[in-house]
Amino acid sequence: QAQLVESGGGLVEPGGSLRLSCLASGITFRTFAMSWFRQAPGKERELVASIDNIGYRTYYLESVKGRFTISRDNGKSMISLQMNRVTPEDAAMYYCKANNGLGLVYWGLGTQVTVSS
């Protein structure tokens, strides 16, 4: 059974850093592109960053470029999102998504990021 479990969320001050992780199980991880999405209250879910199955190509939402870094470890079936210079606009529930491009899509339950001084 496929499962994605996010962790690492919490309270961070503006300008601070946080590292999110997503651990996958029940899937052939190396065949899945992985993404981080976020959704703030009253807003639509948006793609924050993605990485292809071998970690070669990445994509970033314009507002997080230069501040966030997505990475993956296929040996550990895990992706991470390093968040630096966090702003109040980054506060949201962050979700991990796996997509093999052939119709298999899985989502985690999310981890909350709160930005406050």
PDB file of N, CA and C in Angstrom:
ATOM      1  N   GLN A   1       0.837  -1.189   0.000  1.00  0.00           N
ATOM      2  CA  GLN A   1       0.000   0.000   0.000  1.00  0.00           C
ATOM      3  C   GLN A   1       0.876   1.244   0.000  1.00  0.00           C
ATOM      4  N   ALA A   2       0.620   2.120  -0.956  1.00  0.00           N
ATOM      5  CA  ALA A   2       1.427   3.325  -1.082  1.00  0.00           C
ATOM      6  C   ALA A   2       1.137   4.277   0.059  1.00  0.00           C
ATOM      7  N   GLN A   3       2.187   4.881   0.561  1.00  0.00           N
ATOM      8  CA  GLN A   3       2.022   5.843   1.644  1.00  0.00           C
ATOM      9  C   GLN A   3       3.119   6.894   1.561  1.00  0.00           C
ATOM     10  N   LEU A   4       2.716   8.150   1.726  1.00  0.00           N
ATOM     11  CA  LEU A   4       3.644   9.267   1.805  1.00  0.00           C
ATOM     12  C   LEU A   4       3.434   9.945   3.149  1.00  0.00           C
ATOM     13  N   VAL A   5       4.509  10.128   3.899  1.00  0.00           N
ATOM     14  CA  VAL A   5       4.389  10.730   5.218  1.00  0.00           C
ATOM     15  C   VAL A   5       5.321  11.923   5.311  1.00  0.00           C
ATOM     16  N   GLU A   6       4.717  13.095   5.469  1.00  0.00           N
ATOM     17  CA  GLU A   6       5.491  14.322   5.604  1.00  0.00           C
ATOM     18  C   GLU A   6       5.855  14.558   7.068  1.00  0.00           C
ATOM     19  N   SER A   7       6.966  15.258   7.259  1.00  0.00           N
ATOM     20  CA  SER A   7       7.389  15.646   8.599  1.00  0.00           C
ATOM     21  C   SER A   7       8.237  16.900   8.509  1.00  0.00           C
ATOM     22  N   GLY A   8       8.494  17.497   9.657  1.00  0.00           N
ATOM     23  CA  GLY A   8       9.385  18.655   9.704  1.00  0.00           C
ATOM     24  C   GLY A   8       8.702  19.999   9.800  1.00  0.00           C
ATOM     25  N   GLY A   9       7.388  20.003   9.688  1.00  0.00           N
ATOM     26  CA  GLY A   9       6.677  21.273   9.811  1.00  0.00           C
ATOM     27  C   GLY A   9       6.714  21.789  11.239  1.00  0.00           C
ATOM     28  N   GLY A  10       6.291  23.027  11.398  1.00  0.00           N
ATOM     29  CA  GLY A  10       6.270  23.613  12.729  1.00  0.00           C
ATOM     30  C   GLY A  10       6.253  25.121  12.661  1.00  0.00           C
ATOM     31  N   LEU A  11       6.609  25.736  13.761  1.00  0.00           N
ATOM     32  CA  LEU A  11       6.630  27.189  13.868  1.00  0.00           C
ATOM     33  C   LEU A  11       8.029  27.706  13.552  1.00  0.00           C
ATOM     34  N   VAL A  12       8.097  28.681  12.682  1.00  0.00           N
ATOM     35  CA  VAL A  12       9.374  29.288  12.321  1.00  0.00           C
ATOM     36  C   VAL A  12       9.199  30.801  12.277  1.00  0.00           C
ATOM     37  N   GLU A  13      10.210  31.514  12.666  1.00  0.00           N
ATOM     38  CA  GLU A  13      10.162  32.970  12.627  1.00  0.00           C
ATOM     39  C   GLU A  13      10.434  33.452  11.205  1.00  0.00           C
ATOM     40  N   PRO A  14       9.905  34.596  10.851  1.00  0.00           N
ATOM     41  CA  PRO A  14      10.243  35.170   9.545  1.00  0.00           C
ATOM     42  C   PRO A  14      11.756  35.298   9.400  1.00  0.00           C
ATOM     43  N   GLY A  15      12.253  34.889   8.252  1.00  0.00           N
ATOM     44  CA  GLY A  15      13.686  34.903   8.021  1.00  0.00           C
ATOM     45  C   GLY A  15      14.391  33.629   8.443  1.00  0.00           C
ATOM     46  N   GLY A  16      13.662  32.760   9.108  1.00  0.00           N
ATOM     47  CA  GLY A  16      14.249  31.511   9.587  1.00  0.00           C
ATOM     48  C   GLY A  16      14.230  30.411   8.543  1.00  0.00           C
ATOM     49  N   SER A  17      14.633  29.231   8.984  1.00  0.00           N
ATOM     50  CA  SER A  17      14.730  28.079   8.090  1.00  0.00           C
ATOM     51  C   SER A  17      13.975  26.890   8.662  1.00  0.00           C
ATOM     52  N   LEU A  18      13.550  26.038   7.747  1.00  0.00           N
ATOM     53  CA  LEU A  18      12.848  24.812   8.125  1.00  0.00           C
ATOM     54  C   LEU A  18      13.132  23.777   7.051  1.00  0.00           C
ATOM     55  N   ARG A  19      13.196  22.537   7.449  1.00  0.00           N
ATOM     56  CA  ARG A  19      13.420  21.464   6.483  1.00  0.00           C
ATOM     57  C   ARG A  19      12.299  20.447   6.568  1.00  0.00           C
ATOM     58  N   LEU A  20      11.573  20.298   5.492  1.00  0.00           N
ATOM     59  CA  LEU A  20      10.497  19.317   5.413  1.00  0.00           C
ATOM     60  C   LEU A  20      11.010  18.044   4.764  1.00  0.00           C
ATOM     61  N   SER A  21      10.457  16.924   5.196  1.00  0.00           N
ATOM     62  CA  SER A  21      10.804  15.638   4.600  1.00  0.00           C
ATOM     63  C   SER A  21       9.536  14.873   4.259  1.00  0.00           C
ATOM     64  N   CYS A  22       9.651  14.015   3.270  1.00  0.00           N
ATOM     65  CA  CYS A  22       8.540  13.146   2.870  1.00  0.00           C
ATOM     66  C   CYS A  22       9.113  11.758   2.640  1.00  0.00           C
ATOM     67  N   LEU A  23       8.642  10.814   3.430  1.00  0.00           N
ATOM     68  CA  LEU A  23       9.106   9.432   3.325  1.00  0.00           C
ATOM     69  C   LEU A  23       8.056   8.600   2.610  1.00  0.00           C
ATOM     70  N   ALA A  24       8.477   7.929   1.549  1.00  0.00           N
ATOM     71  CA  ALA A  24       7.558   7.118   0.761  1.00  0.00           C
ATOM     72  C   ALA A  24       7.731   5.638   1.068  1.00  0.00           C
ATOM     73  N   SER A  25       6.638   4.920   1.000  1.00  0.00           N
ATOM     74  CA  SER A  25       6.678   3.470   1.144  1.00  0.00           C
ATOM     75  C   SER A  25       5.607   2.861   0.254  1.00  0.00           C
ATOM     76  N   GLY A  26       5.819   1.611  -0.122  1.00  0.00           N
ATOM     77  CA  GLY A  26       4.826   0.921  -0.939  1.00  0.00           C
ATOM     78  C   GLY A  26       4.837   1.287  -2.405  1.00  0.00           C
ATOM     79  N   ILE A  27       5.831   2.053  -2.843  1.00  0.00           N
ATOM     80  CA  ILE A  27       5.956   2.404  -4.254  1.00  0.00           C
ATOM     81  C   ILE A  27       7.398   2.179  -4.695  1.00  0.00           C
ATOM     82  N   THR A  28       7.582   2.035  -6.008  1.00  0.00           N
ATOM     83  CA  THR A  28       8.939   1.969  -6.562  1.00  0.00           C
ATOM     84  C   THR A  28       9.408   3.403  -6.703  1.00  0.00           C
ATOM     85  N   PHE A  29       9.984   3.910  -5.649  1.00  0.00           N
ATOM     86  CA  PHE A  29      10.224   5.341  -5.501  1.00  0.00           C
ATOM     87  C   PHE A  29      11.006   5.930  -6.669  1.00  0.00           C
ATOM     88  N   ARG A  30      11.990   5.224  -7.170  1.00  0.00           N
ATOM     89  CA  ARG A  30      12.867   5.783  -8.202  1.00  0.00           C
ATOM     90  C   ARG A  30      12.132   6.029  -9.523  1.00  0.00           C
ATOM     91  N   THR A  31      10.912   5.511  -9.666  1.00  0.00           N
ATOM     92  CA  THR A  31      10.142   5.706 -10.893  1.00  0.00           C
ATOM     93  C   THR A  31       9.147   6.859 -10.794  1.00  0.00           C
ATOM     94  N   PHE A  32       9.117   7.530  -9.658  1.00  0.00           N
ATOM     95  CA  PHE A  32       8.152   8.594  -9.430  1.00  0.00           C
ATOM     96  C   PHE A  32       8.811   9.959  -9.391  1.00  0.00           C
ATOM     97  N   ALA A  33       8.252  10.911 -10.138  1.00  0.00           N
ATOM     98  CA  ALA A  33       8.572  12.311  -9.926  1.00  0.00           C
ATOM     99  C   ALA A  33       7.886  12.729  -8.628  1.00  0.00           C
ATOM    100  N   MET A  34       8.536  13.630  -7.897  1.00  0.00           N
ATOM    101  CA  MET A  34       8.015  14.031  -6.596  1.00  0.00           C
ATOM    102  C   MET A  34       7.844  15.541  -6.544  1.00  0.00           C
ATOM    103  N   SER A  35       6.857  15.958  -5.796  1.00  0.00           N
ATOM    104  CA  SER A  35       6.564  17.388  -5.719  1.00  0.00           C
ATOM    105  C   SER A  35       6.165  17.782  -4.308  1.00  0.00           C
ATOM    106  N   TRP A  36       6.348  19.056  -4.018  1.00  0.00           N
ATOM    107  CA  TRP A  36       5.792  19.677  -2.818  1.00  0.00           C
ATOM    108  C   TRP A  36       4.736  20.690  -3.269  1.00  0.00           C
ATOM    109  N   PHE A  37       3.562  20.587  -2.686  1.00  0.00           N
ATOM    110  CA  PHE A  37       2.494  21.550  -2.873  1.00  0.00           C
ATOM    111  C   PHE A  37       2.222  22.209  -1.520  1.00  0.00           C
ATOM    112  N   ARG A  38       1.538  23.343  -1.555  1.00  0.00           N
ATOM    113  CA  ARG A  38       1.109  23.963  -0.315  1.00  0.00           C
ATOM    114  C   ARG A  38      -0.266  24.586  -0.505  1.00  0.00           C
ATOM    115  N   GLN A  39      -0.964  24.679   0.603  1.00  0.00           N
ATOM    116  CA  GLN A  39      -2.281  25.304   0.576  1.00  0.00           C
ATOM    117  C   GLN A  39      -2.491  26.099   1.856  1.00  0.00           C
ATOM    118  N   ALA A  40      -2.706  27.387   1.675  1.00  0.00           N
ATOM    119  CA  ALA A  40      -3.008  28.274   2.792  1.00  0.00           C
ATOM    120  C   ALA A  40      -4.516  28.404   2.907  1.00  0.00           C
ATOM    121  N   PRO A  41      -5.015  28.759   4.092  1.00  0.00           N
ATOM    122  CA  PRO A  41      -6.465  28.902   4.274  1.00  0.00           C
ATOM    123  C   PRO A  41      -7.065  29.873   3.263  1.00  0.00           C
ATOM    124  N   GLY A  42      -8.127  29.452   2.606  1.00  0.00           N
ATOM    125  CA  GLY A  42      -8.805  30.309   1.650  1.00  0.00           C
ATOM    126  C   GLY A  42      -8.137  30.414   0.297  1.00  0.00           C
ATOM    127  N   LYS A  43      -7.060  29.675   0.110  1.00  0.00           N
ATOM    128  CA  LYS A  43      -6.337  29.729  -1.163  1.00  0.00           C
ATOM    129  C   LYS A  43      -6.299  28.345  -1.810  1.00  0.00           C
ATOM    130  N   GLU A  44      -6.032  28.340  -3.108  1.00  0.00           N
ATOM    131  CA  GLU A  44      -5.924  27.076  -3.812  1.00  0.00           C
ATOM    132  C   GLU A  44      -4.567  26.434  -3.539  1.00  0.00           C
ATOM    133  N   ARG A  45      -4.556  25.125  -3.684  1.00  0.00           N
ATOM    134  CA  ARG A  45      -3.296  24.407  -3.531  1.00  0.00           C
ATOM    135  C   ARG A  45      -2.390  24.779  -4.702  1.00  0.00           C
ATOM    136  N   GLU A  46      -1.116  25.051  -4.404  1.00  0.00           N
ATOM    137  CA  GLU A  46      -0.185  25.444  -5.452  1.00  0.00           C
ATOM    138  C   GLU A  46       1.087  24.606  -5.395  1.00  0.00           C
ATOM    139  N   LEU A  47       1.650  24.406  -6.588  1.00  0.00           N
ATOM    140  CA  LEU A  47       2.896  23.657  -6.696  1.00  0.00           C
ATOM    141  C   LEU A  47       4.048  24.544  -6.245  1.00  0.00           C
ATOM    142  N   VAL A  48       4.824  24.055  -5.299  1.00  0.00           N
ATOM    143  CA  VAL A  48       5.958  24.809  -4.772  1.00  0.00           C
ATOM    144  C   VAL A  48       7.259  24.391  -5.450  1.00  0.00           C
ATOM    145  N   ALA A  49       7.471  23.106  -5.557  1.00  0.00           N
ATOM    146  CA  ALA A  49       8.708  22.594  -6.143  1.00  0.00           C
ATOM    147  C   ALA A  49       8.488  21.157  -6.584  1.00  0.00           C
ATOM    148  N   SER A  50       9.225  20.760  -7.609  1.00  0.00           N
ATOM    149  CA  SER A  50       9.147  19.374  -8.055  1.00  0.00           C
ATOM    150  C   SER A  50      10.528  18.911  -8.495  1.00  0.00           C
ATOM    151  N   ILE A  51      10.680  17.596  -8.539  1.00  0.00           N
ATOM    152  CA  ILE A  51      11.959  17.007  -8.941  1.00  0.00           C
ATOM    153  C   ILE A  51      11.663  15.730  -9.703  1.00  0.00           C
ATOM    154  N   ASP A  52      12.400  15.480 -10.777  1.00  0.00           N
ATOM    155  CA  ASP A  52      12.117  14.281 -11.568  1.00  0.00           C
ATOM    156  C   ASP A  52      12.625  13.037 -10.840  1.00  0.00           C
ATOM    157  N   ASN A  53      12.400  11.895 -11.455  1.00  0.00           N
ATOM    158  CA  ASN A  53      12.636  10.644 -10.735  1.00  0.00           C
ATOM    159  C   ASN A  53      14.101  10.381 -10.416  1.00  0.00           C
ATOM    160  N   ILE A  54      15.009  11.009 -11.165  1.00  0.00           N
ATOM    161  CA  ILE A  54      16.434  10.776 -10.897  1.00  0.00           C
ATOM    162  C   ILE A  54      17.094  11.997 -10.275  1.00  0.00           C
ATOM    163  N   GLY A  55      16.304  13.021  -9.994  1.00  0.00           N
ATOM    164  CA  GLY A  55      16.856  14.202  -9.347  1.00  0.00           C
ATOM    165  C   GLY A  55      17.611  15.125 -10.281  1.00  0.00           C
ATOM    166  N   TYR A  56      17.348  15.015 -11.567  1.00  0.00           N
ATOM    167  CA  TYR A  56      18.087  15.820 -12.544  1.00  0.00           C
ATOM    168  C   TYR A  56      17.415  17.155 -12.807  1.00  0.00           C
ATOM    169  N   ARG A  57      16.113  17.120 -13.006  1.00  0.00           N
ATOM    170  CA  ARG A  57      15.379  18.354 -13.307  1.00  0.00           C
ATOM    171  C   ARG A  57      14.536  18.772 -12.118  1.00  0.00           C
ATOM    172  N   THR A  58      14.567  20.053 -11.838  1.00  0.00           N
ATOM    173  CA  THR A  58      13.747  20.610 -10.764  1.00  0.00           C
ATOM    174  C   THR A  58      12.941  21.793 -11.269  1.00  0.00           C
ATOM    175  N   TYR A  59      11.886  22.074 -10.553  1.00  0.00           N
ATOM    176  CA  TYR A  59      11.035  23.240 -10.839  1.00  0.00           C
ATOM    177  C   TYR A  59      10.735  23.934  -9.514  1.00  0.00           C
ATOM    178  N   TYR A  60      10.659  25.264  -9.569  1.00  0.00           N
ATOM    179  CA  TYR A  60      10.313  26.032  -8.379  1.00  0.00           C
ATOM    180  C   TYR A  60       9.287  27.100  -8.715  1.00  0.00           C
ATOM    181  N   LEU A  61       8.367  27.287  -7.801  1.00  0.00           N
ATOM    182  CA  LEU A  61       7.469  28.430  -7.851  1.00  0.00           C
ATOM    183  C   LEU A  61       8.325  29.683  -7.808  1.00  0.00           C
ATOM    184  N   GLU A  62       7.971  30.664  -8.600  1.00  0.00           N
ATOM    185  CA  GLU A  62       8.802  31.858  -8.719  1.00  0.00           C
ATOM    186  C   GLU A  62       9.101  32.493  -7.365  1.00  0.00           C
ATOM    187  N   SER A  63       8.115  32.532  -6.487  1.00  0.00           N
ATOM    188  CA  SER A  63       8.278  33.230  -5.213  1.00  0.00           C
ATOM    189  C   SER A  63       9.202  32.501  -4.232  1.00  0.00           C
ATOM    190  N   VAL A  64       9.564  31.245  -4.530  1.00  0.00           N
ATOM    191  CA  VAL A  64      10.463  30.522  -3.619  1.00  0.00           C
ATOM    192  C   VAL A  64      11.837  30.288  -4.232  1.00  0.00           C
ATOM    193  N   LYS A  65      12.010  30.674  -5.480  1.00  0.00           N
ATOM    194  CA  LYS A  65      13.310  30.488  -6.126  1.00  0.00           C
ATOM    195  C   LYS A  65      14.406  31.183  -5.346  1.00  0.00           C
ATOM    196  N   GLY A  66      15.511  30.488  -5.149  1.00  0.00           N
ATOM    197  CA  GLY A  66      16.631  31.045  -4.413  1.00  0.00           C
ATOM    198  C   GLY A  66      16.509  30.902  -2.909  1.00  0.00           C
ATOM    199  N   ARG A  67      15.321  30.488  -2.441  1.00  0.00           N
ATOM    200  CA  ARG A  67      15.118  30.317  -0.998  1.00  0.00           C
ATOM    201  C   ARG A  67      14.855  28.859  -0.625  1.00  0.00           C
ATOM    202  N   PHE A  68      14.155  28.139  -1.483  1.00  0.00           N
ATOM    203  CA  PHE A  68      13.809  26.736  -1.223  1.00  0.00           C
ATOM    204  C   PHE A  68      14.633  25.831  -2.125  1.00  0.00           C
ATOM    205  N   THR A  69      14.944  24.652  -1.607  1.00  0.00           N
ATOM    206  CA  THR A  69      15.659  23.656  -2.396  1.00  0.00           C
ATOM    207  C   THR A  69      15.010  22.295  -2.199  1.00  0.00           C
ATOM    208  N   ILE A  70      14.635  21.684  -3.303  1.00  0.00           N
ATOM    209  CA  ILE A  70      14.077  20.335  -3.240  1.00  0.00           C
ATOM    210  C   ILE A  70      15.177  19.336  -3.569  1.00  0.00           C
ATOM    211  N   SER A  71      15.167  18.227  -2.876  1.00  0.00           N
ATOM    212  CA  SER A  71      16.161  17.183  -3.132  1.00  0.00           C
ATOM    213  C   SER A  71      15.533  15.823  -2.876  1.00  0.00           C
ATOM    214  N   ARG A  72      16.183  14.784  -3.367  1.00  0.00           N
ATOM    215  CA  ARG A  72      15.666  13.441  -3.157  1.00  0.00           C
ATOM    216  C   ARG A  72      16.816  12.473  -2.900  1.00  0.00           C
ATOM    217  N   ASP A  73      16.489  11.425  -2.173  1.00  0.00           N
ATOM    218  CA  ASP A  73      17.416  10.339  -1.915  1.00  0.00           C
ATOM    219  C   ASP A  73      16.683   9.053  -2.275  1.00  0.00           C
ATOM    220  N   ASN A  74      16.975   8.531  -3.441  1.00  0.00           N
ATOM    221  CA  ASN A  74      16.258   7.338  -3.896  1.00  0.00           C
ATOM    222  C   ASN A  74      16.586   6.117  -3.041  1.00  0.00           C
ATOM    223  N   GLY A  75      17.741   6.120  -2.434  1.00  0.00           N
ATOM    224  CA  GLY A  75      18.100   5.003  -1.569  1.00  0.00           C
ATOM    225  C   GLY A  75      17.264   4.953  -0.304  1.00  0.00           C
ATOM    226  N   LYS A  76      16.805   6.125   0.131  1.00  0.00           N
ATOM    227  CA  LYS A  76      15.989   6.211   1.350  1.00  0.00           C
ATOM    228  C   LYS A  76      14.515   6.442   1.043  1.00  0.00           C
ATOM    229  N   SER A  77      14.169   6.514  -0.249  1.00  0.00           N
ATOM    230  CA  SER A  77      12.781   6.780  -0.657  1.00  0.00           C
ATOM    231  C   SER A  77      12.252   8.042   0.011  1.00  0.00           C
ATOM    232  N   MET A  78      13.023   9.092  -0.091  1.00  0.00           N
ATOM    233  CA  MET A  78      12.693  10.315   0.632  1.00  0.00           C
ATOM    234  C   MET A  78      12.992  11.545  -0.210  1.00  0.00           C
ATOM    235  N   ILE A  79      12.151  12.554  -0.048  1.00  0.00           N
ATOM    236  CA  ILE A  79      12.469  13.865  -0.586  1.00  0.00           C
ATOM    237  C   ILE A  79      12.472  14.864   0.560  1.00  0.00           C
ATOM    238  N   SER A  80      13.128  15.983   0.315  1.00  0.00           N
ATOM    239  CA  SER A  80      13.196  17.035   1.307  1.00  0.00           C
ATOM    240  C   SER A  80      12.933  18.380   0.652  1.00  0.00           C
ATOM    241  N   LEU A  81      12.549  19.323   1.458  1.00  0.00           N
ATOM    242  CA  LEU A  81      12.395  20.696   1.009  1.00  0.00           C
ATOM    243  C   LEU A  81      13.073  21.574   2.048  1.00  0.00           C
ATOM    244  N   GLN A  82      14.210  22.122   1.676  1.00  0.00           N
ATOM    245  CA  GLN A  82      14.911  23.052   2.553  1.00  0.00           C
ATOM    246  C   GLN A  82      14.342  24.440   2.306  1.00  0.00           C
ATOM    247  N   MET A  83      13.802  25.028   3.353  1.00  0.00           N
ATOM    248  CA  MET A  83      13.158  26.326   3.250  1.00  0.00           C
ATOM    249  C   MET A  83      13.997  27.343   4.014  1.00  0.00           C
ATOM    250  N   ASN A  84      14.540  28.309   3.305  1.00  0.00           N
ATOM    251  CA  ASN A  84      15.348  29.358   3.925  1.00  0.00           C
ATOM    252  C   ASN A  84      14.676  30.711   3.735  1.00  0.00           C
ATOM    253  N   ARG A  85      15.040  31.649   4.587  1.00  0.00           N
ATOM    254  CA  ARG A  85      14.498  33.016   4.517  1.00  0.00           C
ATOM    255  C   ARG A  85      12.970  32.977   4.374  1.00  0.00           C
ATOM    256  N   VAL A  86      12.364  32.250   5.270  1.00  0.00           N
ATOM    257  CA  VAL A  86      10.914  32.044   5.224  1.00  0.00           C
ATOM    258  C   VAL A  86      10.182  33.364   5.470  1.00  0.00           C
ATOM    259  N   THR A  87       9.091  33.565   4.772  1.00  0.00           N
ATOM    260  CA  THR A  87       8.259  34.751   4.942  1.00  0.00           C
ATOM    261  C   THR A  87       6.861  34.329   5.405  1.00  0.00           C
ATOM    262  N   PRO A  88       6.074  35.269   5.923  1.00  0.00           N
ATOM    263  CA  PRO A  88       4.705  34.925   6.322  1.00  0.00           C
ATOM    264  C   PRO A  88       3.878  34.325   5.182  1.00  0.00           C
ATOM    265  N   GLU A  89       4.215  34.681   3.953  1.00  0.00           N
ATOM    266  CA  GLU A  89       3.490  34.149   2.801  1.00  0.00           C
ATOM    267  C   GLU A  89       3.777  32.660   2.571  1.00  0.00           C
ATOM    268  N   ASP A  90       4.779  32.124   3.242  1.00  0.00           N
ATOM    269  CA  ASP A  90       5.099  30.698   3.102  1.00  0.00           C
ATOM    270  C   ASP A  90       4.288  29.837   4.057  1.00  0.00           C
ATOM    271  N   ALA A  91       3.560  30.449   4.966  1.00  0.00           N
ATOM    272  CA  ALA A  91       2.757  29.689   5.918  1.00  0.00           C
ATOM    273  C   ALA A  91       1.644  28.950   5.189  1.00  0.00           C
ATOM    274  N   ALA A  92       1.574  27.653   5.412  1.00  0.00           N
ATOM    275  CA  ALA A  92       0.578  26.824   4.717  1.00  0.00           C
ATOM    276  C   ALA A  92       0.710  25.386   5.188  1.00  0.00           C
ATOM    277  N   MET A  93      -0.224  24.567   4.742  1.00  0.00           N
ATOM    278  CA  MET A  93      -0.060  23.127   4.880  1.00  0.00           C
ATOM    279  C   MET A  93       0.728  22.668   3.660  1.00  0.00           C
ATOM    280  N   TYR A  94       1.795  21.926   3.890  1.00  0.00           N
ATOM    281  CA  TYR A  94       2.638  21.456   2.806  1.00  0.00           C
ATOM    282  C   TYR A  94       2.391  19.971   2.578  1.00  0.00           C
ATOM    283  N   TYR A  95       2.185  19.642   1.300  1.00  0.00           N
ATOM    284  CA  TYR A  95       1.866  18.273   0.909  1.00  0.00           C
ATOM    285  C   TYR A  95       2.913  17.717  -0.036  1.00  0.00           C
ATOM    286  N   CYS A  96       3.169  16.461   0.101  1.00  0.00           N
ATOM    287  CA  CYS A  96       4.059  15.719  -0.765  1.00  0.00           C
ATOM    288  C   CYS A  96       3.214  14.950  -1.785  1.00  0.00           C
ATOM    289  N   LYS A  97       3.653  14.932  -3.020  1.00  0.00           N
ATOM    290  CA  LYS A  97       2.935  14.225  -4.075  1.00  0.00           C
ATOM    291  C   LYS A  97       3.904  13.379  -4.877  1.00  0.00           C
ATOM    292  N   ALA A  98       3.469  12.169  -5.197  1.00  0.00           N
ATOM    293  CA  ALA A  98       4.246  11.263  -6.056  1.00  0.00           C
ATOM    294  C   ALA A  98       3.454  11.007  -7.327  1.00  0.00           C
ATOM    295  N   ASN A  99       4.128  11.046  -8.455  1.00  0.00           N
ATOM    296  CA  ASN A  99       3.471  10.880  -9.749  1.00  0.00           C
ATOM    297  C   ASN A  99       4.408  10.111 -10.679  1.00  0.00           C
ATOM    298  N   ASN A 100       3.941   8.976 -11.188  1.00  0.00           N
ATOM    299  CA  ASN A 100       4.832   8.217 -12.081  1.00  0.00           C
ATOM    300  C   ASN A 100       4.598   8.534 -13.552  1.00  0.00           C
ATOM    301  N   GLY A 101       3.690   9.478 -13.828  1.00  0.00           N
ATOM    302  CA  GLY A 101       3.454   9.865 -15.209  1.00  0.00           C
ATOM    303  C   GLY A 101       2.655   8.858 -16.009  1.00  0.00           C
ATOM    304  N   LEU A 102       2.237   7.796 -15.337  1.00  0.00           N
ATOM    305  CA  LEU A 102       1.456   6.752 -16.027  1.00  0.00           C
ATOM    306  C   LEU A 102       0.112   6.536 -15.354  1.00  0.00           C
ATOM    307  N   GLY A 103      -0.294   7.521 -14.582  1.00  0.00           N
ATOM    308  CA  GLY A 103      -1.608   7.450 -13.947  1.00  0.00           C
ATOM    309  C   GLY A 103      -1.594   7.173 -12.463  1.00  0.00           C
ATOM    310  N   LEU A 104      -0.437   6.850 -11.920  1.00  0.00           N
ATOM    311  CA  LEU A 104      -0.356   6.619 -10.474  1.00  0.00           C
ATOM    312  C   LEU A 104       0.037   7.926  -9.779  1.00  0.00           C
ATOM    313  N   VAL A 105      -0.833   8.400  -8.916  1.00  0.00           N
ATOM    314  CA  VAL A 105      -0.601   9.637  -8.169  1.00  0.00           C
ATOM    315  C   VAL A 105      -0.955   9.397  -6.709  1.00  0.00           C
ATOM    316  N   TYR A 106      -0.040   9.794  -5.836  1.00  0.00           N
ATOM    317  CA  TYR A 106      -0.285   9.625  -4.406  1.00  0.00           C
ATOM    318  C   TYR A 106       0.027  10.922  -3.684  1.00  0.00           C
ATOM    319  N   TRP A 107      -0.730  11.161  -2.615  1.00  0.00           N
ATOM    320  CA  TRP A 107      -0.551  12.365  -1.801  1.00  0.00           C
ATOM    321  C   TRP A 107      -0.331  11.979  -0.352  1.00  0.00           C
ATOM    322  N   GLY A 108       0.450  12.784   0.340  1.00  0.00           N
ATOM    323  CA  GLY A 108       0.556  12.650   1.770  1.00  0.00           C
ATOM    324  C   GLY A 108      -0.535  13.462   2.452  1.00  0.00           C
ATOM    325  N   LEU A 109      -0.577  13.384   3.767  1.00  0.00           N
ATOM    326  CA  LEU A 109      -1.602  14.092   4.537  1.00  0.00           C
ATOM    327  C   LEU A 109      -1.193  15.501   4.908  1.00  0.00           C
ATOM    328  N   GLY A 110       0.067  15.835   4.697  1.00  0.00           N
ATOM    329  CA  GLY A 110       0.508  17.197   4.907  1.00  0.00           C
ATOM    330  C   GLY A 110       1.199  17.438   6.233  1.00  0.00           C
ATOM    331  N   THR A 111       1.968  18.519   6.245  1.00  0.00           N
ATOM    332  CA  THR A 111       2.627  18.994   7.467  1.00  0.00           C
ATOM    333  C   THR A 111       2.479  20.504   7.502  1.00  0.00           C
ATOM    334  N   GLN A 112       2.127  21.036   8.653  1.00  0.00           N
ATOM    335  CA  GLN A 112       1.790  22.454   8.773  1.00  0.00           C
ATOM    336  C   GLN A 112       3.039  23.298   9.005  1.00  0.00           C
ATOM    337  N   VAL A 113       3.148  24.370   8.261  1.00  0.00           N
ATOM    338  CA  VAL A 113       4.212  25.355   8.469  1.00  0.00           C
ATOM    339  C   VAL A 113       3.566  26.658   8.908  1.00  0.00           C
ATOM    340  N   THR A 114       3.953  27.125  10.074  1.00  0.00           N
ATOM    341  CA  THR A 114       3.451  28.382  10.627  1.00  0.00           C
ATOM    342  C   THR A 114       4.596  29.356  10.737  1.00  0.00           C
ATOM    343  N   VAL A 115       4.381  30.558  10.240  1.00  0.00           N
ATOM    344  CA  VAL A 115       5.430  31.582  10.257  1.00  0.00           C
ATOM    345  C   VAL A 115       4.967  32.723  11.150  1.00  0.00           C
ATOM    346  N   SER A 116       5.695  32.921  12.230  1.00  0.00           N
ATOM    347  CA  SER A 116       5.302  33.962  13.184  1.00  0.00           C
ATOM    348  C   SER A 116       6.478  34.308  14.078  1.00  0.00           C
ATOM    349  N   SER A 117       6.521  35.566  14.470  1.00  0.00           N
ATOM    350  CA  SER A 117       7.545  35.989  15.414  1.00  0.00           C
ATOM    351  C   SER A 117       6.969  36.005  16.829  1.00  0.00           C
TER     352      SER A 117
END
